Amino acid sequence: MNTVKDGLTIPAQRTRTRGAVENKEFAAFTRRIIRAHARRVAAGDVEALSDLTALSAAVDQAITDAVIGLRAFGYSWTEIGDRLGISKQAAQQRWGGGQR
């Protein structure tokens, strides 16, 4: 189920664009939140450990969704692999489902 409002997304027929300027700041904010959650667990909140593990699974799924979206937007496996510091073959094997 897509929970993103239509007005907040870029239609696929538009020309590819680079990411929004605030993406780096948003990612840094997200990392701070995850590290703070980990510190709570490490300080004795054992009940929150499963929540932290669920975050890991959610991030993995988000990466998959992002790569699928980038491919649908026209980005090559080479471009995706370059951004991740892996080969195009490694990116394709992980997220391509054997497709070329």
PDB file of N, CA and C in Angstrom:
ATOM      1  N   MET A   1       0.836  -1.177   0.000  1.00  0.00           N
ATOM      2  CA  MET A   1       0.000   0.000   0.000  1.00  0.00           C
ATOM      3  C   MET A   1       0.880   1.239   0.000  1.00  0.00           C
ATOM      4  N   ASN A   2       0.639   2.143  -0.914  1.00  0.00           N
ATOM      5  CA  ASN A   2       1.406   3.373  -1.019  1.00  0.00           C
ATOM      6  C   ASN A   2       0.775   4.422  -0.124  1.00  0.00           C
ATOM      7  N   THR A   3       1.526   4.914   0.861  1.00  0.00           N
ATOM      8  CA  THR A   3       1.000   5.913   1.783  1.00  0.00           C
ATOM      9  C   THR A   3       1.516   7.312   1.484  1.00  0.00           C
ATOM     10  N   VAL A   4       2.246   7.475   0.388  1.00  0.00           N
ATOM     11  CA  VAL A   4       2.783   8.776   0.013  1.00  0.00           C
ATOM     12  C   VAL A   4       1.732   9.524  -0.791  1.00  0.00           C
ATOM     13  N   LYS A   5       1.489  10.770  -0.435  1.00  0.00           N
ATOM     14  CA  LYS A   5       0.511  11.579  -1.157  1.00  0.00           C
ATOM     15  C   LYS A   5       1.001  11.822  -2.577  1.00  0.00           C
ATOM     16  N   ASP A   6       0.086  11.754  -3.535  1.00  0.00           N
ATOM     17  CA  ASP A   6       0.441  11.909  -4.944  1.00  0.00           C
ATOM     18  C   ASP A   6       1.167  13.218  -5.215  1.00  0.00           C
ATOM     19  N   GLY A   7       0.786  14.289  -4.569  1.00  0.00           N
ATOM     20  CA  GLY A   7       1.417  15.577  -4.804  1.00  0.00           C
ATOM     21  C   GLY A   7       2.855  15.658  -4.329  1.00  0.00           C
ATOM     22  N   LEU A   8       3.289  14.690  -3.532  1.00  0.00           N
ATOM     23  CA  LEU A   8       4.647  14.707  -2.997  1.00  0.00           C
ATOM     24  C   LEU A   8       5.609  13.845  -3.796  1.00  0.00           C
ATOM     25  N   THR A   9       5.120  13.180  -4.801  1.00  0.00           N
ATOM     26  CA  THR A   9       5.971  12.304  -5.591  1.00  0.00           C
ATOM     27  C   THR A   9       6.208  12.901  -6.967  1.00  0.00           C
ATOM     28  N   ILE A  10       7.263  12.444  -7.621  1.00  0.00           N
ATOM     29  CA  ILE A  10       7.602  12.904  -8.963  1.00  0.00           C
ATOM     30  C   ILE A  10       7.067  11.870  -9.948  1.00  0.00           C
ATOM     31  N   PRO A  11       6.218  12.288 -10.886  1.00  0.00           N
ATOM     32  CA  PRO A  11       5.713  11.326 -11.874  1.00  0.00           C
ATOM     33  C   PRO A  11       6.851  10.683 -12.656  1.00  0.00           C
ATOM     34  N   ALA A  12       6.709   9.398 -12.965  1.00  0.00           N
ATOM     35  CA  ALA A  12       7.760   8.638 -13.645  1.00  0.00           C
ATOM     36  C   ALA A  12       8.082   9.205 -15.021  1.00  0.00           C
ATOM     37  N   GLN A  13       7.130   9.899 -15.662  1.00  0.00           N
ATOM     38  CA  GLN A  13       7.389  10.395 -17.013  1.00  0.00           C
ATOM     39  C   GLN A  13       8.295  11.617 -17.028  1.00  0.00           C
ATOM     40  N   ARG A  14       8.564  12.240 -15.884  1.00  0.00           N
ATOM     41  CA  ARG A  14       9.464  13.383 -15.837  1.00  0.00           C
ATOM     42  C   ARG A  14      10.904  12.942 -16.046  1.00  0.00           C
ATOM     43  N   THR A  15      11.734  13.880 -16.416  1.00  0.00           N
ATOM     44  CA  THR A  15      13.160  13.622 -16.589  1.00  0.00           C
ATOM     45  C   THR A  15      13.795  13.311 -15.245  1.00  0.00           C
ATOM     46  N   ARG A  16      14.763  12.414 -15.252  1.00  0.00           N
ATOM     47  CA  ARG A  16      15.487  12.084 -14.027  1.00  0.00           C
ATOM     48  C   ARG A  16      16.092  13.334 -13.437  1.00  0.00           C
ATOM     49  N   THR A  17      16.049  13.423 -12.120  1.00  0.00           N
ATOM     50  CA  THR A  17      16.680  14.545 -11.434  1.00  0.00           C
ATOM     51  C   THR A  17      17.527  14.008 -10.301  1.00  0.00           C
ATOM     52  N   ARG A  18      18.427  14.832  -9.816  1.00  0.00           N
ATOM     53  CA  ARG A  18      19.232  14.459  -8.659  1.00  0.00           C
ATOM     54  C   ARG A  18      18.383  14.625  -7.414  1.00  0.00           C
ATOM     55  N   GLY A  19      18.815  14.011  -6.324  1.00  0.00           N
ATOM     56  CA  GLY A  19      18.061  14.043  -5.084  1.00  0.00           C
ATOM     57  C   GLY A  19      17.883  15.446  -4.530  1.00  0.00           C
ATOM     58  N   ALA A  20      16.915  15.581  -3.663  1.00  0.00           N
ATOM     59  CA  ALA A  20      16.650  16.860  -3.031  1.00  0.00           C
ATOM     60  C   ALA A  20      17.812  17.246  -2.121  1.00  0.00           C
ATOM     61  N   VAL A  21      18.019  18.522  -1.954  1.00  0.00           N
ATOM     62  CA  VAL A  21      19.136  19.025  -1.170  1.00  0.00           C
ATOM     63  C   VAL A  21      19.087  18.525   0.265  1.00  0.00           C
ATOM     64  N   GLU A  22      17.890  18.413   0.834  1.00  0.00           N
ATOM     65  CA  GLU A  22      17.780  18.042   2.237  1.00  0.00           C
ATOM     66  C   GLU A  22      17.983  16.553   2.504  1.00  0.00           C
ATOM     67  N   ASN A  23      18.216  15.748   1.510  1.00  0.00           N
ATOM     68  CA  ASN A  23      18.372  14.308   1.737  1.00  0.00           C
ATOM     69  C   ASN A  23      19.512  13.986   2.690  1.00  0.00           C
ATOM     70  N   LYS A  24      20.646  14.649   2.562  1.00  0.00           N
ATOM     71  CA  LYS A  24      21.785  14.368   3.452  1.00  0.00           C
ATOM     72  C   LYS A  24      21.439  14.713   4.893  1.00  0.00           C
ATOM     73  N   GLU A  25      20.765  15.841   5.105  1.00  0.00           N
ATOM     74  CA  GLU A  25      20.378  16.235   6.454  1.00  0.00           C
ATOM     75  C   GLU A  25      19.340  15.269   7.024  1.00  0.00           C
ATOM     76  N   PHE A  26      18.404  14.852   6.206  1.00  0.00           N
ATOM     77  CA  PHE A  26      17.377  13.907   6.647  1.00  0.00           C
ATOM     78  C   PHE A  26      18.010  12.568   7.019  1.00  0.00           C
ATOM     79  N   ALA A  27      18.961  12.106   6.213  1.00  0.00           N
ATOM     80  CA  ALA A  27      19.643  10.846   6.505  1.00  0.00           C
ATOM     81  C   ALA A  27      20.445  10.951   7.799  1.00  0.00           C
ATOM     82  N   ALA A  28      21.109  12.093   8.015  1.00  0.00           N
ATOM     83  CA  ALA A  28      21.872  12.292   9.246  1.00  0.00           C
ATOM     84  C   ALA A  28      20.947  12.279  10.456  1.00  0.00           C
ATOM     85  N   PHE A  29      19.792  12.906  10.341  1.00  0.00           N
ATOM     86  CA  PHE A  29      18.797  12.913  11.410  1.00  0.00           C
ATOM     87  C   PHE A  29      18.335  11.490  11.716  1.00  0.00           C
ATOM     88  N   THR A  30      18.071  10.725  10.677  1.00  0.00           N
ATOM     89  CA  THR A  30      17.632   9.341  10.841  1.00  0.00           C
ATOM     90  C   THR A  30      18.705   8.510  11.545  1.00  0.00           C
ATOM     91  N   ARG A  31      19.964   8.679  11.145  1.00  0.00           N
ATOM     92  CA  ARG A  31      21.057   7.954  11.811  1.00  0.00           C
ATOM     93  C   ARG A  31      21.133   8.304  13.290  1.00  0.00           C
ATOM     94  N   ARG A  32      20.950   9.590  13.626  1.00  0.00           N
ATOM     95  CA  ARG A  32      20.984   9.995  15.039  1.00  0.00           C
ATOM     96  C   ARG A  32      19.868   9.321  15.837  1.00  0.00           C
ATOM     97  N   ILE A  33      18.696   9.225  15.255  1.00  0.00           N
ATOM     98  CA  ILE A  33      17.570   8.582  15.943  1.00  0.00           C
ATOM     99  C   ILE A  33      17.869   7.104  16.179  1.00  0.00           C
ATOM    100  N   ILE A  34      18.386   6.424  15.164  1.00  0.00           N
ATOM    101  CA  ILE A  34      18.686   4.991  15.304  1.00  0.00           C
ATOM    102  C   ILE A  34      19.773   4.774  16.346  1.00  0.00           C
ATOM    103  N   ARG A  35      20.808   5.612  16.339  1.00  0.00           N
ATOM    104  CA  ARG A  35      21.867   5.481  17.353  1.00  0.00           C
ATOM    105  C   ARG A  35      21.325   5.744  18.755  1.00  0.00           C
ATOM    106  N   ALA A  36      20.417   6.708  18.886  1.00  0.00           N
ATOM    107  CA  ALA A  36      19.814   6.991  20.195  1.00  0.00           C
ATOM    108  C   ALA A  36      18.993   5.792  20.666  1.00  0.00           C
ATOM    109  N   HIS A  37      18.285   5.165  19.745  1.00  0.00           N
ATOM    110  CA  HIS A  37      17.512   3.960  20.092  1.00  0.00           C
ATOM    111  C   HIS A  37      18.452   2.850  20.568  1.00  0.00           C
ATOM    112  N   ALA A  38      19.563   2.688  19.873  1.00  0.00           N
ATOM    113  CA  ALA A  38      20.541   1.666  20.257  1.00  0.00           C
ATOM    114  C   ALA A  38      21.113   1.951  21.645  1.00  0.00           C
ATOM    115  N   ARG A  39      21.357   3.226  21.940  1.00  0.00           N
ATOM    116  CA  ARG A  39      21.867   3.573  23.277  1.00  0.00           C
ATOM    117  C   ARG A  39      20.848   3.221  24.364  1.00  0.00           C
ATOM    118  N   ARG A  40      19.559   3.411  24.085  1.00  0.00           N
ATOM    119  CA  ARG A  40      18.515   3.041  25.057  1.00  0.00           C
ATOM    120  C   ARG A  40      18.542   1.539  25.317  1.00  0.00           C
ATOM    121  N   VAL A  41      18.674   0.771  24.240  1.00  0.00           N
ATOM    122  CA  VAL A  41      18.749  -0.687  24.394  1.00  0.00           C
ATOM    123  C   VAL A  41      19.983  -1.042  25.209  1.00  0.00           C
ATOM    124  N   ALA A  42      21.121  -0.463  24.844  1.00  0.00           N
ATOM    125  CA  ALA A  42      22.383  -0.772  25.524  1.00  0.00           C
ATOM    126  C   ALA A  42      22.352  -0.378  26.994  1.00  0.00           C
ATOM    127  N   ALA A  43      21.506   0.577  27.338  1.00  0.00           N
ATOM    128  CA  ALA A  43      21.406   1.036  28.726  1.00  0.00           C
ATOM    129  C   ALA A  43      20.460   0.167  29.545  1.00  0.00           C
ATOM    130  N   GLY A  44      20.008  -0.934  28.954  1.00  0.00           N
ATOM    131  CA  GLY A  44      19.214  -1.883  29.728  1.00  0.00           C
ATOM    132  C   GLY A  44      17.786  -2.074  29.275  1.00  0.00           C
ATOM    133  N   ASP A  45      17.358  -1.434  28.198  1.00  0.00           N
ATOM    134  CA  ASP A  45      15.984  -1.590  27.707  1.00  0.00           C
ATOM    135  C   ASP A  45      15.911  -2.798  26.772  1.00  0.00           C
ATOM    136  N   VAL A  46      16.015  -3.979  27.351  1.00  0.00           N
ATOM    137  CA  VAL A  46      16.054  -5.214  26.564  1.00  0.00           C
ATOM    138  C   VAL A  46      14.774  -5.416  25.750  1.00  0.00           C
ATOM    139  N   GLU A  47      13.661  -4.901  26.232  1.00  0.00           N
ATOM    140  CA  GLU A  47      12.391  -5.055  25.501  1.00  0.00           C
ATOM    141  C   GLU A  47      12.437  -4.350  24.144  1.00  0.00           C
ATOM    142  N   ALA A  48      13.248  -3.306  24.021  1.00  0.00           N
ATOM    143  CA  ALA A  48      13.328  -2.550  22.776  1.00  0.00           C
ATOM    144  C   ALA A  48      14.278  -3.182  21.759  1.00  0.00           C
ATOM    145  N   LEU A  49      14.974  -4.241  22.139  1.00  0.00           N
ATOM    146  CA  LEU A  49      15.911  -4.879  21.216  1.00  0.00           C
ATOM    147  C   LEU A  49      15.207  -5.401  19.971  1.00  0.00           C
ATOM    148  N   SER A  50      14.040  -6.004  20.136  1.00  0.00           N
ATOM    149  CA  SER A  50      13.317  -6.518  18.960  1.00  0.00           C
ATOM    150  C   SER A  50      12.863  -5.377  18.055  1.00  0.00           C
ATOM    151  N   ASP A  51      12.529  -4.211  18.632  1.00  0.00           N
ATOM    152  CA  ASP A  51      12.175  -3.052  17.819  1.00  0.00           C
ATOM    153  C   ASP A  51      13.366  -2.590  16.985  1.00  0.00           C
ATOM    154  N   LEU A  52      14.545  -2.614  17.580  1.00  0.00           N
ATOM    155  CA  LEU A  52      15.751  -2.210  16.865  1.00  0.00           C
ATOM    156  C   LEU A  52      16.037  -3.169  15.711  1.00  0.00           C
ATOM    157  N   THR A  53      15.840  -4.448  15.941  1.00  0.00           N
ATOM    158  CA  THR A  53      16.024  -5.447  14.883  1.00  0.00           C
ATOM    159  C   THR A  53      15.003  -5.228  13.766  1.00  0.00           C
ATOM    160  N   ALA A  54      13.773  -4.880  14.133  1.00  0.00           N
ATOM    161  CA  ALA A  54      12.739  -4.605  13.125  1.00  0.00           C
ATOM    162  C   ALA A  54      13.120  -3.393  12.281  1.00  0.00           C
ATOM    163  N   LEU A  55      13.794  -2.422  12.880  1.00  0.00           N
ATOM    164  CA  LEU A  55      14.264  -1.275  12.108  1.00  0.00           C
ATOM    165  C   LEU A  55      15.245  -1.705  11.028  1.00  0.00           C
ATOM    166  N   SER A  56      16.106  -2.653  11.353  1.00  0.00           N
ATOM    167  CA  SER A  56      17.064  -3.159  10.383  1.00  0.00           C
ATOM    168  C   SER A  56      16.347  -3.767   9.178  1.00  0.00           C
ATOM    169  N   ALA A  57      15.329  -4.559   9.449  1.00  0.00           N
ATOM    170  CA  ALA A  57      14.553  -5.168   8.365  1.00  0.00           C
ATOM    171  C   ALA A  57      13.829  -4.101   7.545  1.00  0.00           C
ATOM    172  N   ALA A  58      13.327  -3.075   8.220  1.00  0.00           N
ATOM    173  CA  ALA A  58      12.631  -1.994   7.516  1.00  0.00           C
ATOM    174  C   ALA A  58      13.591  -1.214   6.617  1.00  0.00           C
ATOM    175  N   VAL A  59      14.803  -0.995   7.084  1.00  0.00           N
ATOM    176  CA  VAL A  59      15.811  -0.299   6.267  1.00  0.00           C
ATOM    177  C   VAL A  59      16.166  -1.151   5.052  1.00  0.00           C
ATOM    178  N   ASP A  60      16.351  -2.445   5.236  1.00  0.00           N
ATOM    179  CA  ASP A  60      16.646  -3.328   4.102  1.00  0.00           C
ATOM    180  C   ASP A  60      15.532  -3.264   3.060  1.00  0.00           C
ATOM    181  N   GLN A  61      14.272  -3.276   3.507  1.00  0.00           N
ATOM    182  CA  GLN A  61      13.147  -3.201   2.577  1.00  0.00           C
ATOM    183  C   GLN A  61      13.106  -1.834   1.892  1.00  0.00           C
ATOM    184  N   ALA A  62      13.410  -0.780   2.637  1.00  0.00           N
ATOM    185  CA  ALA A  62      13.416   0.566   2.057  1.00  0.00           C
ATOM    186  C   ALA A  62      14.478   0.684   0.965  1.00  0.00           C
ATOM    187  N   ILE A  63      15.638   0.080   1.191  1.00  0.00           N
ATOM    188  CA  ILE A  63      16.701   0.094   0.175  1.00  0.00           C
ATOM    189  C   ILE A  63      16.235  -0.642  -1.077  1.00  0.00           C
ATOM    190  N   THR A  64      15.607  -1.789  -0.883  1.00  0.00           N
ATOM    191  CA  THR A  64      15.077  -2.545  -2.023  1.00  0.00           C
ATOM    192  C   THR A  64      14.067  -1.706  -2.794  1.00  0.00           C
ATOM    193  N   ASP A  65      13.136  -1.087  -2.078  1.00  0.00           N
ATOM    194  CA  ASP A  65      12.126  -0.244  -2.724  1.00  0.00           C
ATOM    195  C   ASP A  65      12.774   0.915  -3.477  1.00  0.00           C
ATOM    196  N   ALA A  66      13.806   1.520  -2.864  1.00  0.00           N
ATOM    197  CA  ALA A  66      14.494   2.645  -3.498  1.00  0.00           C
ATOM    198  C   ALA A  66      15.197   2.204  -4.785  1.00  0.00           C
ATOM    199  N   VAL A  67      15.867   1.069  -4.737  1.00  0.00           N
ATOM    200  CA  VAL A  67      16.576   0.576  -5.928  1.00  0.00           C
ATOM    201  C   VAL A  67      15.575   0.239  -7.029  1.00  0.00           C
ATOM    202  N   ILE A  68      14.492  -0.403  -6.686  1.00  0.00           N
ATOM    203  CA  ILE A  68      13.458  -0.719  -7.684  1.00  0.00           C
ATOM    204  C   ILE A  68      12.928   0.576  -8.308  1.00  0.00           C
ATOM    205  N   GLY A  69      12.702   1.581  -7.470  1.00  0.00           N
ATOM    206  CA  GLY A  69      12.234   2.868  -7.974  1.00  0.00           C
ATOM    207  C   GLY A  69      13.249   3.537  -8.877  1.00  0.00           C
ATOM    208  N   LEU A  70      14.516   3.502  -8.487  1.00  0.00           N
ATOM    209  CA  LEU A  70      15.560   4.095  -9.323  1.00  0.00           C
ATOM    210  C   LEU A  70      15.659   3.393 -10.669  1.00  0.00           C
ATOM    211  N   ARG A  71      15.546   2.076 -10.655  1.00  0.00           N
ATOM    212  CA  ARG A  71      15.586   1.332 -11.923  1.00  0.00           C
ATOM    213  C   ARG A  71      14.395   1.720 -12.798  1.00  0.00           C
ATOM    214  N   ALA A  72      13.214   1.832 -12.197  1.00  0.00           N
ATOM    215  CA  ALA A  72      12.020   2.221 -12.959  1.00  0.00           C
ATOM    216  C   ALA A  72      12.150   3.647 -13.484  1.00  0.00           C
ATOM    217  N   PHE A  73      12.921   4.468 -12.789  1.00  0.00           N
ATOM    218  CA  PHE A  73      13.139   5.854 -13.188  1.00  0.00           C
ATOM    219  C   PHE A  73      14.197   5.963 -14.264  1.00  0.00           C
ATOM    220  N   GLY A  74      14.907   4.859 -14.545  1.00  0.00           N
ATOM    221  CA  GLY A  74      15.867   4.841 -15.640  1.00  0.00           C
ATOM    222  C   GLY A  74      17.327   4.758 -15.250  1.00  0.00           C
ATOM    223  N   TYR A  75      17.614   4.655 -13.963  1.00  0.00           N
ATOM    224  CA  TYR A  75      19.007   4.544 -13.540  1.00  0.00           C
ATOM    225  C   TYR A  75      19.540   3.148 -13.852  1.00  0.00           C
ATOM    226  N   SER A  76      20.809   3.099 -14.254  1.00  0.00           N
ATOM    227  CA  SER A  76      21.439   1.824 -14.606  1.00  0.00           C
ATOM    228  C   SER A  76      21.986   1.140 -13.361  1.00  0.00           C
ATOM    229  N   TRP A  77      22.271  -0.149 -13.496  1.00  0.00           N
ATOM    230  CA  TRP A  77      22.905  -0.888 -12.403  1.00  0.00           C
ATOM    231  C   TRP A  77      24.277  -0.294 -12.091  1.00  0.00           C
ATOM    232  N   THR A  78      24.959   0.218 -13.104  1.00  0.00           N
ATOM    233  CA  THR A  78      26.266   0.846 -12.888  1.00  0.00           C
ATOM    234  C   THR A  78      26.126   2.077 -12.007  1.00  0.00           C
ATOM    235  N   GLU A  79      25.144   2.935 -12.311  1.00  0.00           N
ATOM    236  CA  GLU A  79      24.929   4.146 -11.509  1.00  0.00           C
ATOM    237  C   GLU A  79      24.569   3.801 -10.060  1.00  0.00           C
ATOM    238  N   ILE A  80      23.722   2.809  -9.888  1.00  0.00           N
ATOM    239  CA  ILE A  80      23.315   2.385  -8.543  1.00  0.00           C
ATOM    240  C   ILE A  80      24.502   1.791  -7.801  1.00  0.00           C
ATOM    241  N   GLY A  81      25.219   0.888  -8.459  1.00  0.00           N
ATOM    242  CA  GLY A  81      26.383   0.268  -7.831  1.00  0.00           C
ATOM    243  C   GLY A  81      27.440   1.288  -7.447  1.00  0.00           C
ATOM    244  N   ASP A  82      27.669   2.271  -8.329  1.00  0.00           N
ATOM    245  CA  ASP A  82      28.658   3.319  -8.036  1.00  0.00           C
ATOM    246  C   ASP A  82      28.305   4.067  -6.758  1.00  0.00           C
ATOM    247  N   ARG A  83      27.030   4.393  -6.567  1.00  0.00           N
ATOM    248  CA  ARG A  83      26.611   5.136  -5.371  1.00  0.00           C
ATOM    249  C   ARG A  83      26.769   4.303  -4.108  1.00  0.00           C
ATOM    250  N   LEU A  84      26.722   2.993  -4.257  1.00  0.00           N
ATOM    251  CA  LEU A  84      26.820   2.096  -3.101  1.00  0.00           C
ATOM    252  C   LEU A  84      28.229   1.546  -2.896  1.00  0.00           C
ATOM    253  N   GLY A  85      29.126   1.855  -3.815  1.00  0.00           N
ATOM    254  CA  GLY A  85      30.492   1.368  -3.694  1.00  0.00           C
ATOM    255  C   GLY A  85      30.623  -0.115  -3.987  1.00  0.00           C
ATOM    256  N   ILE A  86      29.733  -0.612  -4.849  1.00  0.00           N
ATOM    257  CA  ILE A  86      29.768  -2.019  -5.261  1.00  0.00           C
ATOM    258  C   ILE A  86      29.705  -2.083  -6.781  1.00  0.00           C
ATOM    259  N   SER A  87      29.982  -3.248  -7.330  1.00  0.00           N
ATOM    260  CA  SER A  87      29.925  -3.388  -8.783  1.00  0.00           C
ATOM    261  C   SER A  87      28.475  -3.427  -9.254  1.00  0.00           C
ATOM    262  N   LYS A  88      28.296  -3.160 -10.539  1.00  0.00           N
ATOM    263  CA  LYS A  88      26.943  -3.247 -11.094  1.00  0.00           C
ATOM    264  C   LYS A  88      26.410  -4.676 -10.979  1.00  0.00           C
ATOM    265  N   GLN A  89      27.311  -5.659 -11.115  1.00  0.00           N
ATOM    266  CA  GLN A  89      26.891  -7.054 -11.004  1.00  0.00           C
ATOM    267  C   GLN A  89      26.398  -7.366  -9.585  1.00  0.00           C
ATOM    268  N   ALA A  90      27.107  -6.845  -8.571  1.00  0.00           N
ATOM    269  CA  ALA A  90      26.691  -7.077  -7.183  1.00  0.00           C
ATOM    270  C   ALA A  90      25.335  -6.435  -6.912  1.00  0.00           C
ATOM    271  N   ALA A  91      25.129  -5.223  -7.420  1.00  0.00           N
ATOM    272  CA  ALA A  91      23.839  -4.549  -7.247  1.00  0.00           C
ATOM    273  C   ALA A  91      22.728  -5.328  -7.933  1.00  0.00           C
ATOM    274  N   GLN A  92      22.999  -5.769  -9.134  1.00  0.00           N
ATOM    275  CA  GLN A  92      21.990  -6.509  -9.890  1.00  0.00           C
ATOM    276  C   GLN A  92      21.669  -7.840  -9.221  1.00  0.00           C
ATOM    277  N   GLN A  93      22.679  -8.527  -8.708  1.00  0.00           N
ATOM    278  CA  GLN A  93      22.437  -9.803  -8.025  1.00  0.00           C
ATOM    279  C   GLN A  93      21.604  -9.610  -6.769  1.00  0.00           C
ATOM    280  N   ARG A  94      21.879  -8.530  -6.032  1.00  0.00           N
ATOM    281  CA  ARG A  94      21.170  -8.314  -4.769  1.00  0.00           C
ATOM    282  C   ARG A  94      19.737  -7.846  -4.980  1.00  0.00           C
ATOM    283  N   TRP A  95      19.520  -6.928  -5.927  1.00  0.00           N
ATOM    284  CA  TRP A  95      18.198  -6.317  -6.066  1.00  0.00           C
ATOM    285  C   TRP A  95      17.517  -6.575  -7.391  1.00  0.00           C
ATOM    286  N   GLY A  96      18.204  -7.225  -8.329  1.00  0.00           N
ATOM    287  CA  GLY A  96      17.629  -7.382  -9.660  1.00  0.00           C
ATOM    288  C   GLY A  96      16.818  -8.627  -9.870  1.00  0.00           C
ATOM    289  N   GLY A  97      16.866  -9.544  -8.938  1.00  0.00           N
ATOM    290  CA  GLY A  97      16.105 -10.779  -9.113  1.00  0.00           C
ATOM    291  C   GLY A  97      16.525 -11.534 -10.353  1.00  0.00           C
ATOM    292  N   GLY A  98      17.804 -11.381 -10.768  1.00  0.00           N
ATOM    293  CA  GLY A  98      18.300 -12.085 -11.946  1.00  0.00           C
ATOM    294  C   GLY A  98      17.993 -11.391 -13.247  1.00  0.00           C
ATOM    295  N   GLN A  99      17.343 -10.191 -13.186  1.00  0.00           N
ATOM    296  CA  GLN A  99      17.001  -9.450 -14.410  1.00  0.00           C
ATOM    297  C   GLN A  99      18.194  -8.635 -14.873  1.00  0.00           C
ATOM    298  N   ARG A 100      18.211  -8.314 -16.141  1.00  0.00           N
ATOM    299  CA  ARG A 100      19.272  -7.439 -16.677  1.00  0.00           C
ATOM    300  C   ARG A 100      18.683  -6.153 -17.155  1.00  0.00           C
TER     301      ARG A 100
END
